[in-house]
Amino acid sequence: MWQRSALVVSALMLAVLGWAQGPQLPAGPMQPKATTACTECHSAEIILQQRLSKAGWQKEVDKMVKWGALVEAKDREALIEYLSSNFPPQKPPYVAPKNRPAR
């Protein structure tokens, strides 16, 4: 019986964690690196709201690295490409999900 209760509690905890984390970054080979490097200090929503050119993303990534973001030199260009292709200036503005309370 306790095993069943533990499973129910575990499932509820995972559901709450998924809800609390909020929106995720788009899928792609650099999504895990972007999640790790960027959401260490702020939520994914900060990134989802950005609309920058490739040059703008280069400046932003370099600034964040100076502030302590852990981005290895070998990953820099791929991360900038991921961000600039997913969040370019011409992309429509981000609209936050309505089913989550504002923070």
PDB file of N, CA and C in Angstrom:
ATOM      1  N   MET A   1       0.818  -1.196   0.000  1.00  0.00           N
ATOM      2  CA  MET A   1       0.000   0.000   0.000  1.00  0.00           C
ATOM      3  C   MET A   1       0.864   1.263   0.000  1.00  0.00           C
ATOM      4  N   TRP A   2       1.938   1.257   0.767  1.00  0.00           N
ATOM      5  CA  TRP A   2       2.790   2.438   0.829  1.00  0.00           C
ATOM      6  C   TRP A   2       3.440   2.718  -0.514  1.00  0.00           C
ATOM      7  N   GLN A   3       3.684   1.647  -1.315  1.00  0.00           N
ATOM      8  CA  GLN A   3       4.281   1.847  -2.635  1.00  0.00           C
ATOM      9  C   GLN A   3       3.339   2.631  -3.551  1.00  0.00           C
ATOM     10  N   ARG A   4       2.064   2.310  -3.451  1.00  0.00           N
ATOM     11  CA  ARG A   4       1.075   3.015  -4.256  1.00  0.00           C
ATOM     12  C   ARG A   4       1.007   4.489  -3.834  1.00  0.00           C
ATOM     13  N   SER A   5       1.039   4.735  -2.537  1.00  0.00           N
ATOM     14  CA  SER A   5       1.026   6.108  -2.042  1.00  0.00           C
ATOM     15  C   SER A   5       2.267   6.864  -2.498  1.00  0.00           C
ATOM     16  N   ALA A   6       3.407   6.204  -2.476  1.00  0.00           N
ATOM     17  CA  ALA A   6       4.649   6.841  -2.910  1.00  0.00           C
ATOM     18  C   ALA A   6       4.581   7.199  -4.390  1.00  0.00           C
ATOM     19  N   LEU A   7       3.980   6.336  -5.190  1.00  0.00           N
ATOM     20  CA  LEU A   7       3.827   6.626  -6.618  1.00  0.00           C
ATOM     21  C   LEU A   7       2.915   7.820  -6.848  1.00  0.00           C
ATOM     22  N   VAL A   8       1.830   7.882  -6.103  1.00  0.00           N
ATOM     23  CA  VAL A   8       0.894   8.992  -6.242  1.00  0.00           C
ATOM     24  C   VAL A   8       1.575  10.301  -5.840  1.00  0.00           C
ATOM     25  N   VAL A   9       2.292  10.292  -4.733  1.00  0.00           N
ATOM     26  CA  VAL A   9       2.998  11.488  -4.265  1.00  0.00           C
ATOM     27  C   VAL A   9       4.055  11.901  -5.289  1.00  0.00           C
ATOM     28  N   SER A  10       4.795  10.949  -5.826  1.00  0.00           N
ATOM     29  CA  SER A  10       5.817  11.252  -6.829  1.00  0.00           C
ATOM     30  C   SER A  10       5.195  11.872  -8.071  1.00  0.00           C
ATOM     31  N   ALA A  11       4.093  11.331  -8.526  1.00  0.00           N
ATOM     32  CA  ALA A  11       3.417  11.871  -9.713  1.00  0.00           C
ATOM     33  C   ALA A  11       2.930  13.291  -9.451  1.00  0.00           C
ATOM     34  N   LEU A  12       2.391  13.535  -8.277  1.00  0.00           N
ATOM     35  CA  LEU A  12       1.929  14.883  -7.942  1.00  0.00           C
ATOM     36  C   LEU A  12       3.094  15.869  -7.872  1.00  0.00           C
ATOM     37  N   MET A  13       4.204  15.428  -7.307  1.00  0.00           N
ATOM     38  CA  MET A  13       5.372  16.305  -7.218  1.00  0.00           C
ATOM     39  C   MET A  13       5.888  16.668  -8.611  1.00  0.00           C
ATOM     40  N   LEU A  14       5.933  15.697  -9.518  1.00  0.00           N
ATOM     41  CA  LEU A  14       6.383  15.970 -10.880  1.00  0.00           C
ATOM     42  C   LEU A  14       5.438  16.928 -11.585  1.00  0.00           C
ATOM     43  N   ALA A  15       4.146  16.768 -11.365  1.00  0.00           N
ATOM     44  CA  ALA A  15       3.168  17.678 -11.984  1.00  0.00           C
ATOM     45  C   ALA A  15       3.350  19.097 -11.462  1.00  0.00           C
ATOM     46  N   VAL A  16       3.544  19.242 -10.158  1.00  0.00           N
ATOM     47  CA  VAL A  16       3.743  20.570  -9.567  1.00  0.00           C
ATOM     48  C   VAL A  16       5.039  21.184 -10.073  1.00  0.00           C
ATOM     49  N   LEU A  17       6.110  20.400 -10.143  1.00  0.00           N
ATOM     50  CA  LEU A  17       7.383  20.919 -10.648  1.00  0.00           C
ATOM     51  C   LEU A  17       7.252  21.370 -12.094  1.00  0.00           C
ATOM     52  N   GLY A  18       6.571  20.611 -12.912  1.00  0.00           N
ATOM     53  CA  GLY A  18       6.362  21.001 -14.307  1.00  0.00           C
ATOM     54  C   GLY A  18       5.583  22.292 -14.399  1.00  0.00           C
ATOM     55  N   TRP A  19       4.576  22.470 -13.574  1.00  0.00           N
ATOM     56  CA  TRP A  19       3.786  23.692 -13.580  1.00  0.00           C
ATOM     57  C   TRP A  19       4.616  24.870 -13.086  1.00  0.00           C
ATOM     58  N   ALA A  20       5.382  24.657 -12.025  1.00  0.00           N
ATOM     59  CA  ALA A  20       6.163  25.742 -11.434  1.00  0.00           C
ATOM     60  C   ALA A  20       7.288  26.200 -12.355  1.00  0.00           C
ATOM     61  N   GLN A  21       7.812  25.296 -13.164  1.00  0.00           N
ATOM     62  CA  GLN A  21       8.907  25.664 -14.056  1.00  0.00           C
ATOM     63  C   GLN A  21       8.443  26.596 -15.162  1.00  0.00           C
ATOM     64  N   GLY A  22       7.210  26.507 -15.535  1.00  0.00           N
ATOM     65  CA  GLY A  22       6.692  27.372 -16.581  1.00  0.00           C
ATOM     66  C   GLY A  22       7.077  26.894 -17.960  1.00  0.00           C
ATOM     67  N   PRO A  23       7.001  27.795 -18.922  1.00  0.00           N
ATOM     68  CA  PRO A  23       7.273  27.431 -20.311  1.00  0.00           C
ATOM     69  C   PRO A  23       8.717  26.973 -20.503  1.00  0.00           C
ATOM     70  N   GLN A  24       8.890  26.139 -21.501  1.00  0.00           N
ATOM     71  CA  GLN A  24      10.217  25.617 -21.826  1.00  0.00           C
ATOM     72  C   GLN A  24      10.714  26.265 -23.108  1.00  0.00           C
ATOM     73  N   LEU A  25      12.004  26.247 -23.302  1.00  0.00           N
ATOM     74  CA  LEU A  25      12.604  26.742 -24.536  1.00  0.00           C
ATOM     75  C   LEU A  25      12.308  25.760 -25.670  1.00  0.00           C
ATOM     76  N   PRO A  26      12.308  26.236 -26.912  1.00  0.00           N
ATOM     77  CA  PRO A  26      12.010  25.358 -28.049  1.00  0.00           C
ATOM     78  C   PRO A  26      13.007  24.208 -28.175  1.00  0.00           C
ATOM     79  N   ALA A  27      12.520  23.106 -28.721  1.00  0.00           N
ATOM     80  CA  ALA A  27      13.366  21.928 -28.927  1.00  0.00           C
ATOM     81  C   ALA A  27      14.471  22.243 -29.922  1.00  0.00           C
ATOM     82  N   GLY A  28      15.568  21.566 -29.758  1.00  0.00           N
ATOM     83  CA  GLY A  28      16.707  21.726 -30.657  1.00  0.00           C
ATOM     84  C   GLY A  28      17.951  21.211 -29.981  1.00  0.00           C
ATOM     85  N   PRO A  29      19.021  21.024 -30.743  1.00  0.00           N
ATOM     86  CA  PRO A  29      20.234  20.459 -30.159  1.00  0.00           C
ATOM     87  C   PRO A  29      20.831  21.309 -29.038  1.00  0.00           C
ATOM     88  N   MET A  30      20.624  22.620 -29.065  1.00  0.00           N
ATOM     89  CA  MET A  30      21.187  23.489 -28.032  1.00  0.00           C
ATOM     90  C   MET A  30      20.185  23.836 -26.931  1.00  0.00           C
ATOM     91  N   GLN A  31      18.995  23.270 -26.984  1.00  0.00           N
ATOM     92  CA  GLN A  31      17.990  23.559 -25.956  1.00  0.00           C
ATOM     93  C   GLN A  31      18.485  23.189 -24.557  1.00  0.00           C
ATOM     94  N   PRO A  32      19.095  22.019 -24.368  1.00  0.00           N
ATOM     95  CA  PRO A  32      19.595  21.715 -23.018  1.00  0.00           C
ATOM     96  C   PRO A  32      20.672  22.698 -22.548  1.00  0.00           C
ATOM     97  N   LYS A  33      21.581  23.088 -23.444  1.00  0.00           N
ATOM     98  CA  LYS A  33      22.642  24.039 -23.072  1.00  0.00           C
ATOM     99  C   LYS A  33      22.035  25.398 -22.741  1.00  0.00           C
ATOM    100  N   ALA A  34      21.081  25.862 -23.552  1.00  0.00           N
ATOM    101  CA  ALA A  34      20.432  27.146 -23.282  1.00  0.00           C
ATOM    102  C   ALA A  34      19.692  27.090 -21.955  1.00  0.00           C
ATOM    103  N   THR A  35      19.006  25.999 -21.706  1.00  0.00           N
ATOM    104  CA  THR A  35      18.274  25.856 -20.445  1.00  0.00           C
ATOM    105  C   THR A  35      19.233  25.900 -19.270  1.00  0.00           C
ATOM    106  N   THR A  36      20.319  25.151 -19.364  1.00  0.00           N
ATOM    107  CA  THR A  36      21.289  25.106 -18.273  1.00  0.00           C
ATOM    108  C   THR A  36      21.989  26.451 -18.075  1.00  0.00           C
ATOM    109  N   ALA A  37      22.484  27.030 -19.157  1.00  0.00           N
ATOM    110  CA  ALA A  37      23.265  28.262 -19.048  1.00  0.00           C
ATOM    111  C   ALA A  37      22.407  29.469 -18.694  1.00  0.00           C
ATOM    112  N   CYS A  38      21.203  29.535 -19.231  1.00  0.00           N
ATOM    113  CA  CYS A  38      20.393  30.751 -19.088  1.00  0.00           C
ATOM    114  C   CYS A  38      19.452  30.718 -17.882  1.00  0.00           C
ATOM    115  N   THR A  39      18.845  29.575 -17.638  1.00  0.00           N
ATOM    116  CA  THR A  39      17.848  29.541 -16.563  1.00  0.00           C
ATOM    117  C   THR A  39      18.468  29.298 -15.195  1.00  0.00           C
ATOM    118  N   GLU A  40      19.773  29.286 -15.138  1.00  0.00           N
ATOM    119  CA  GLU A  40      20.462  29.239 -13.844  1.00  0.00           C
ATOM    120  C   GLU A  40      20.166  30.513 -13.060  1.00  0.00           C
ATOM    121  N   CYS A  41      20.003  31.620 -13.798  1.00  0.00           N
ATOM    122  CA  CYS A  41      19.786  32.923 -13.150  1.00  0.00           C
ATOM    123  C   CYS A  41      18.396  33.512 -13.370  1.00  0.00           C
ATOM    124  N   HIS A  42      17.723  33.129 -14.443  1.00  0.00           N
ATOM    125  CA  HIS A  42      16.390  33.694 -14.702  1.00  0.00           C
ATOM    126  C   HIS A  42      15.508  32.659 -15.385  1.00  0.00           C
ATOM    127  N   SER A  43      14.233  32.938 -15.440  1.00  0.00           N
ATOM    128  CA  SER A  43      13.283  31.991 -16.032  1.00  0.00           C
ATOM    129  C   SER A  43      13.411  31.966 -17.551  1.00  0.00           C
ATOM    130  N   ALA A  44      12.897  30.907 -18.141  1.00  0.00           N
ATOM    131  CA  ALA A  44      12.884  30.786 -19.597  1.00  0.00           C
ATOM    132  C   ALA A  44      12.043  31.891 -20.225  1.00  0.00           C
ATOM    133  N   GLU A  45      11.070  32.408 -19.496  1.00  0.00           N
ATOM    134  CA  GLU A  45      10.209  33.460 -20.036  1.00  0.00           C
ATOM    135  C   GLU A  45      11.000  34.704 -20.432  1.00  0.00           C
ATOM    136  N   ILE A  46      12.091  34.987 -19.754  1.00  0.00           N
ATOM    137  CA  ILE A  46      12.932  36.133 -20.115  1.00  0.00           C
ATOM    138  C   ILE A  46      13.468  35.944 -21.534  1.00  0.00           C
ATOM    139  N   ILE A  47      13.890  34.738 -21.850  1.00  0.00           N
ATOM    140  CA  ILE A  47      14.407  34.436 -23.180  1.00  0.00           C
ATOM    141  C   ILE A  47      13.272  34.437 -24.197  1.00  0.00           C
ATOM    142  N   LEU A  48      12.155  33.808 -23.835  1.00  0.00           N
ATOM    143  CA  LEU A  48      11.012  33.711 -24.747  1.00  0.00           C
ATOM    144  C   LEU A  48      10.505  35.084 -25.173  1.00  0.00           C
ATOM    145  N   GLN A  49      10.713  36.098 -24.365  1.00  0.00           N
ATOM    146  CA  GLN A  49      10.247  37.449 -24.666  1.00  0.00           C
ATOM    147  C   GLN A  49      11.191  38.212 -25.599  1.00  0.00           C
ATOM    148  N   GLN A  50      12.419  37.746 -25.727  1.00  0.00           N
ATOM    149  CA  GLN A  50      13.430  38.472 -26.509  1.00  0.00           C
ATOM    150  C   GLN A  50      13.205  38.315 -28.008  1.00  0.00           C
ATOM    151  N   ARG A  51      13.509  39.350 -28.735  1.00  0.00           N
ATOM    152  CA  ARG A  51      13.476  39.345 -30.198  1.00  0.00           C
ATOM    153  C   ARG A  51      14.712  40.110 -30.663  1.00  0.00           C
ATOM    154  N   LEU A  52      15.819  39.372 -30.906  1.00  0.00           N
ATOM    155  CA  LEU A  52      17.089  40.005 -31.242  1.00  0.00           C
ATOM    156  C   LEU A  52      17.647  39.453 -32.552  1.00  0.00           C
ATOM    157  N   SER A  53      18.422  40.267 -33.213  1.00  0.00           N
ATOM    158  CA  SER A  53      19.158  39.824 -34.399  1.00  0.00           C
ATOM    159  C   SER A  53      20.292  38.906 -33.938  1.00  0.00           C
ATOM    160  N   LYS A  54      20.967  38.297 -34.897  1.00  0.00           N
ATOM    161  CA  LYS A  54      22.109  37.449 -34.537  1.00  0.00           C
ATOM    162  C   LYS A  54      23.170  38.268 -33.807  1.00  0.00           C
ATOM    163  N   ALA A  55      23.431  39.494 -34.292  1.00  0.00           N
ATOM    164  CA  ALA A  55      24.405  40.362 -33.621  1.00  0.00           C
ATOM    165  C   ALA A  55      23.942  40.708 -32.207  1.00  0.00           C
ATOM    166  N   GLY A  56      22.645  40.916 -32.046  1.00  0.00           N
ATOM    167  CA  GLY A  56      22.093  41.195 -30.722  1.00  0.00           C
ATOM    168  C   GLY A  56      22.258  40.018 -29.788  1.00  0.00           C
ATOM    169  N   TRP A  57      22.025  38.801 -30.309  1.00  0.00           N
ATOM    170  CA  TRP A  57      22.214  37.603 -29.478  1.00  0.00           C
ATOM    171  C   TRP A  57      23.686  37.400 -29.142  1.00  0.00           C
ATOM    172  N   GLN A  58      24.585  37.733 -30.060  1.00  0.00           N
ATOM    173  CA  GLN A  58      26.013  37.618 -29.761  1.00  0.00           C
ATOM    174  C   GLN A  58      26.373  38.514 -28.581  1.00  0.00           C
ATOM    175  N   LYS A  59      25.906  39.758 -28.613  1.00  0.00           N
ATOM    176  CA  LYS A  59      26.170  40.686 -27.509  1.00  0.00           C
ATOM    177  C   LYS A  59      25.564  40.180 -26.211  1.00  0.00           C
ATOM    178  N   GLU A  60      24.331  39.679 -26.300  1.00  0.00           N
ATOM    179  CA  GLU A  60      23.632  39.200 -25.104  1.00  0.00           C
ATOM    180  C   GLU A  60      24.351  37.999 -24.490  1.00  0.00           C
ATOM    181  N   VAL A  61      24.738  37.030 -25.317  1.00  0.00           N
ATOM    182  CA  VAL A  61      25.451  35.850 -24.812  1.00  0.00           C
ATOM    183  C   VAL A  61      26.781  36.268 -24.206  1.00  0.00           C
ATOM    184  N   ASP A  62      27.523  37.133 -24.882  1.00  0.00           N
ATOM    185  CA  ASP A  62      28.817  37.574 -24.346  1.00  0.00           C
ATOM    186  C   ASP A  62      28.644  38.305 -23.011  1.00  0.00           C
ATOM    187  N   LYS A  63      27.601  39.130 -22.908  1.00  0.00           N
ATOM    188  CA  LYS A  63      27.325  39.836 -21.652  1.00  0.00           C
ATOM    189  C   LYS A  63      27.011  38.837 -20.542  1.00  0.00           C
ATOM    190  N   MET A  64      26.187  37.841 -20.841  1.00  0.00           N
ATOM    191  CA  MET A  64      25.812  36.864 -19.817  1.00  0.00           C
ATOM    192  C   MET A  64      27.016  36.012 -19.394  1.00  0.00           C
ATOM    193  N   VAL A  65      27.882  35.697 -20.338  1.00  0.00           N
ATOM    194  CA  VAL A  65      29.101  34.949 -19.992  1.00  0.00           C
ATOM    195  C   VAL A  65      29.962  35.784 -19.045  1.00  0.00           C
ATOM    196  N   LYS A  66      30.078  37.081 -19.303  1.00  0.00           N
ATOM    197  CA  LYS A  66      30.841  37.963 -18.404  1.00  0.00           C
ATOM    198  C   LYS A  66      30.218  38.004 -17.018  1.00  0.00           C
ATOM    199  N   TRP A  67      28.888  37.850 -16.960  1.00  0.00           N
ATOM    200  CA  TRP A  67      28.185  37.856 -15.676  1.00  0.00           C
ATOM    201  C   TRP A  67      28.152  36.484 -15.008  1.00  0.00           C
ATOM    202  N   GLY A  68      28.745  35.477 -15.659  1.00  0.00           N
ATOM    203  CA  GLY A  68      28.862  34.178 -15.022  1.00  0.00           C
ATOM    204  C   GLY A  68      28.138  33.022 -15.673  1.00  0.00           C
ATOM    205  N   ALA A  69      27.439  33.242 -16.784  1.00  0.00           N
ATOM    206  CA  ALA A  69      26.772  32.128 -17.467  1.00  0.00           C
ATOM    207  C   ALA A  69      27.826  31.125 -17.929  1.00  0.00           C
ATOM    208  N   LEU A  70      27.545  29.860 -17.713  1.00  0.00           N
ATOM    209  CA  LEU A  70      28.503  28.821 -18.065  1.00  0.00           C
ATOM    210  C   LEU A  70      28.270  28.361 -19.503  1.00  0.00           C
ATOM    211  N   VAL A  71      28.981  28.993 -20.418  1.00  0.00           N
ATOM    212  CA  VAL A  71      28.922  28.646 -21.838  1.00  0.00           C
ATOM    213  C   VAL A  71      30.354  28.413 -22.292  1.00  0.00           C
ATOM    214  N   GLU A  72      30.633  27.176 -22.676  1.00  0.00           N
ATOM    215  CA  GLU A  72      31.980  26.860 -23.146  1.00  0.00           C
ATOM    216  C   GLU A  72      32.191  27.504 -24.510  1.00  0.00           C
ATOM    217  N   ALA A  73      33.426  27.878 -24.794  1.00  0.00           N
ATOM    218  CA  ALA A  73      33.764  28.528 -26.066  1.00  0.00           C
ATOM    219  C   ALA A  73      33.312  27.690 -27.259  1.00  0.00           C
ATOM    220  N   LYS A  74      33.421  26.370 -27.140  1.00  0.00           N
ATOM    221  CA  LYS A  74      33.030  25.489 -28.244  1.00  0.00           C
ATOM    222  C   LYS A  74      31.518  25.499 -28.496  1.00  0.00           C
ATOM    223  N   ASP A  75      30.732  25.920 -27.519  1.00  0.00           N
ATOM    224  CA  ASP A  75      29.270  25.953 -27.653  1.00  0.00           C
ATOM    225  C   ASP A  75      28.725  27.329 -28.012  1.00  0.00           C
ATOM    226  N   ARG A  76      29.564  28.355 -27.961  1.00  0.00           N
ATOM    227  CA  ARG A  76      29.097  29.738 -28.124  1.00  0.00           C
ATOM    228  C   ARG A  76      28.353  29.958 -29.437  1.00  0.00           C
ATOM    229  N   GLU A  77      28.971  29.626 -30.557  1.00  0.00           N
ATOM    230  CA  GLU A  77      28.351  29.880 -31.864  1.00  0.00           C
ATOM    231  C   GLU A  77      27.053  29.102 -32.039  1.00  0.00           C
ATOM    232  N   ALA A  78      27.035  27.848 -31.621  1.00  0.00           N
ATOM    233  CA  ALA A  78      25.817  27.036 -31.751  1.00  0.00           C
ATOM    234  C   ALA A  78      24.701  27.590 -30.874  1.00  0.00           C
ATOM    235  N   LEU A  79      25.038  28.082 -29.683  1.00  0.00           N
ATOM    236  CA  LEU A  79      24.035  28.677 -28.798  1.00  0.00           C
ATOM    237  C   LEU A  79      23.471  29.961 -29.416  1.00  0.00           C
ATOM    238  N   ILE A  80      24.337  30.793 -29.969  1.00  0.00           N
ATOM    239  CA  ILE A  80      23.886  32.028 -30.622  1.00  0.00           C
ATOM    240  C   ILE A  80      22.995  31.698 -31.813  1.00  0.00           C
ATOM    241  N   GLU A  81      23.359  30.697 -32.579  1.00  0.00           N
ATOM    242  CA  GLU A  81      22.540  30.279 -33.724  1.00  0.00           C
ATOM    243  C   GLU A  81      21.170  29.782 -33.250  1.00  0.00           C
ATOM    244  N   TYR A  82      21.143  28.995 -32.185  1.00  0.00           N
ATOM    245  CA  TYR A  82      19.878  28.504 -31.621  1.00  0.00           C
ATOM    246  C   TYR A  82      18.991  29.675 -31.198  1.00  0.00           C
ATOM    247  N   LEU A  83      19.555  30.609 -30.464  1.00  0.00           N
ATOM    248  CA  LEU A  83      18.776  31.748 -29.971  1.00  0.00           C
ATOM    249  C   LEU A  83      18.316  32.651 -31.116  1.00  0.00           C
ATOM    250  N   SER A  84      19.212  32.946 -32.050  1.00  0.00           N
ATOM    251  CA  SER A  84      18.844  33.859 -33.137  1.00  0.00           C
ATOM    252  C   SER A  84      17.854  33.230 -34.107  1.00  0.00           C
ATOM    253  N   SER A  85      17.866  31.927 -34.260  1.00  0.00           N
ATOM    254  CA  SER A  85      16.893  31.292 -35.153  1.00  0.00           C
ATOM    255  C   SER A  85      15.540  31.101 -34.476  1.00  0.00           C
ATOM    256  N   ASN A  86      15.521  30.950 -33.163  1.00  0.00           N
ATOM    257  CA  ASN A  86      14.255  30.766 -32.446  1.00  0.00           C
ATOM    258  C   ASN A  86      13.621  32.073 -31.979  1.00  0.00           C
ATOM    259  N   PHE A  87      14.427  33.112 -31.805  1.00  0.00           N
ATOM    260  CA  PHE A  87      13.918  34.380 -31.265  1.00  0.00           C
ATOM    261  C   PHE A  87      14.421  35.576 -32.082  1.00  0.00           C
ATOM    262  N   PRO A  88      14.125  35.588 -33.393  1.00  0.00           N
ATOM    263  CA  PRO A  88      14.554  36.694 -34.250  1.00  0.00           C
ATOM    264  C   PRO A  88      13.628  37.897 -34.116  1.00  0.00           C
ATOM    265  N   PRO A  89      14.069  39.057 -34.612  1.00  0.00           N
ATOM    266  CA  PRO A  89      13.240  40.274 -34.505  1.00  0.00           C
ATOM    267  C   PRO A  89      11.868  40.145 -35.170  1.00  0.00           C
ATOM    268  N   GLN A  90      11.766  39.369 -36.248  1.00  0.00           N
ATOM    269  CA  GLN A  90      10.503  39.268 -36.972  1.00  0.00           C
ATOM    270  C   GLN A  90       9.502  38.291 -36.350  1.00  0.00           C
ATOM    271  N   LYS A  91       9.894  37.575 -35.324  1.00  0.00           N
ATOM    272  CA  LYS A  91       8.974  36.639 -34.673  1.00  0.00           C
ATOM    273  C   LYS A  91       7.925  37.439 -33.886  1.00  0.00           C
ATOM    274  N   PRO A  92       6.662  36.995 -33.910  1.00  0.00           N
ATOM    275  CA  PRO A  92       5.626  37.703 -33.137  1.00  0.00           C
ATOM    276  C   PRO A  92       5.965  37.738 -31.646  1.00  0.00           C
ATOM    277  N   PRO A  93       5.442  38.723 -30.925  1.00  0.00           N
ATOM    278  CA  PRO A  93       5.718  38.830 -29.484  1.00  0.00           C
ATOM    279  C   PRO A  93       5.254  37.591 -28.724  1.00  0.00           C
ATOM    280  N   TYR A  94       5.953  37.313 -27.662  1.00  0.00           N
ATOM    281  CA  TYR A  94       5.605  36.200 -26.772  1.00  0.00           C
ATOM    282  C   TYR A  94       4.344  36.550 -25.994  1.00  0.00           C
ATOM    283  N   VAL A  95       3.450  35.589 -25.884  1.00  0.00           N
ATOM    284  CA  VAL A  95       2.243  35.756 -25.082  1.00  0.00           C
ATOM    285  C   VAL A  95       2.290  34.695 -23.991  1.00  0.00           C
ATOM    286  N   ALA A  96       2.321  35.136 -22.747  1.00  0.00           N
ATOM    287  CA  ALA A  96       2.394  34.206 -21.611  1.00  0.00           C
ATOM    288  C   ALA A  96       1.125  33.380 -21.525  1.00  0.00           C
ATOM    289  N   PRO A  97       1.245  32.116 -21.096  1.00  0.00           N
ATOM    290  CA  PRO A  97       0.067  31.273 -20.924  1.00  0.00           C
ATOM    291  C   PRO A  97      -0.897  31.910 -19.925  1.00  0.00           C
ATOM    292  N   LYS A  98      -2.166  31.809 -20.189  1.00  0.00           N
ATOM    293  CA  LYS A  98      -3.183  32.422 -19.345  1.00  0.00           C
ATOM    294  C   LYS A  98      -3.533  31.571 -18.125  1.00  0.00           C
ATOM    295  N   ASN A  99      -3.156  30.294 -18.147  1.00  0.00           N
ATOM    296  CA  ASN A  99      -3.540  29.399 -17.060  1.00  0.00           C
ATOM    297  C   ASN A  99      -2.576  29.419 -15.887  1.00  0.00           C
ATOM    298  N   ARG A 100      -1.528  30.258 -15.943  1.00  0.00           N
ATOM    299  CA  ARG A 100      -0.595  30.372 -14.827  1.00  0.00           C
ATOM    300  C   ARG A 100      -0.727  31.713 -14.174  1.00  0.00           C
ATOM    301  N   PRO A 101      -0.664  31.760 -12.845  1.00  0.00           N
ATOM    302  CA  PRO A 101      -0.704  33.067 -12.174  1.00  0.00           C
ATOM    303  C   PRO A 101       0.558  33.853 -12.463  1.00  0.00           C
ATOM    304  N   ALA A 102       0.431  35.166 -12.520  1.00  0.00           N
ATOM    305  CA  ALA A 102       1.582  36.037 -12.749  1.00  0.00           C
ATOM    306  C   ALA A 102       2.523  35.967 -11.563  1.00  0.00           C
ATOM    307  N   ARG A 103       3.826  36.128 -11.844  1.00  0.00           N
ATOM    308  CA  ARG A 103       4.817  36.099 -10.735  1.00  0.00           C
ATOM    309  C   ARG A 103       5.178  37.493 -10.358  1.00  0.00           C
TER     310      ARG A 103
END
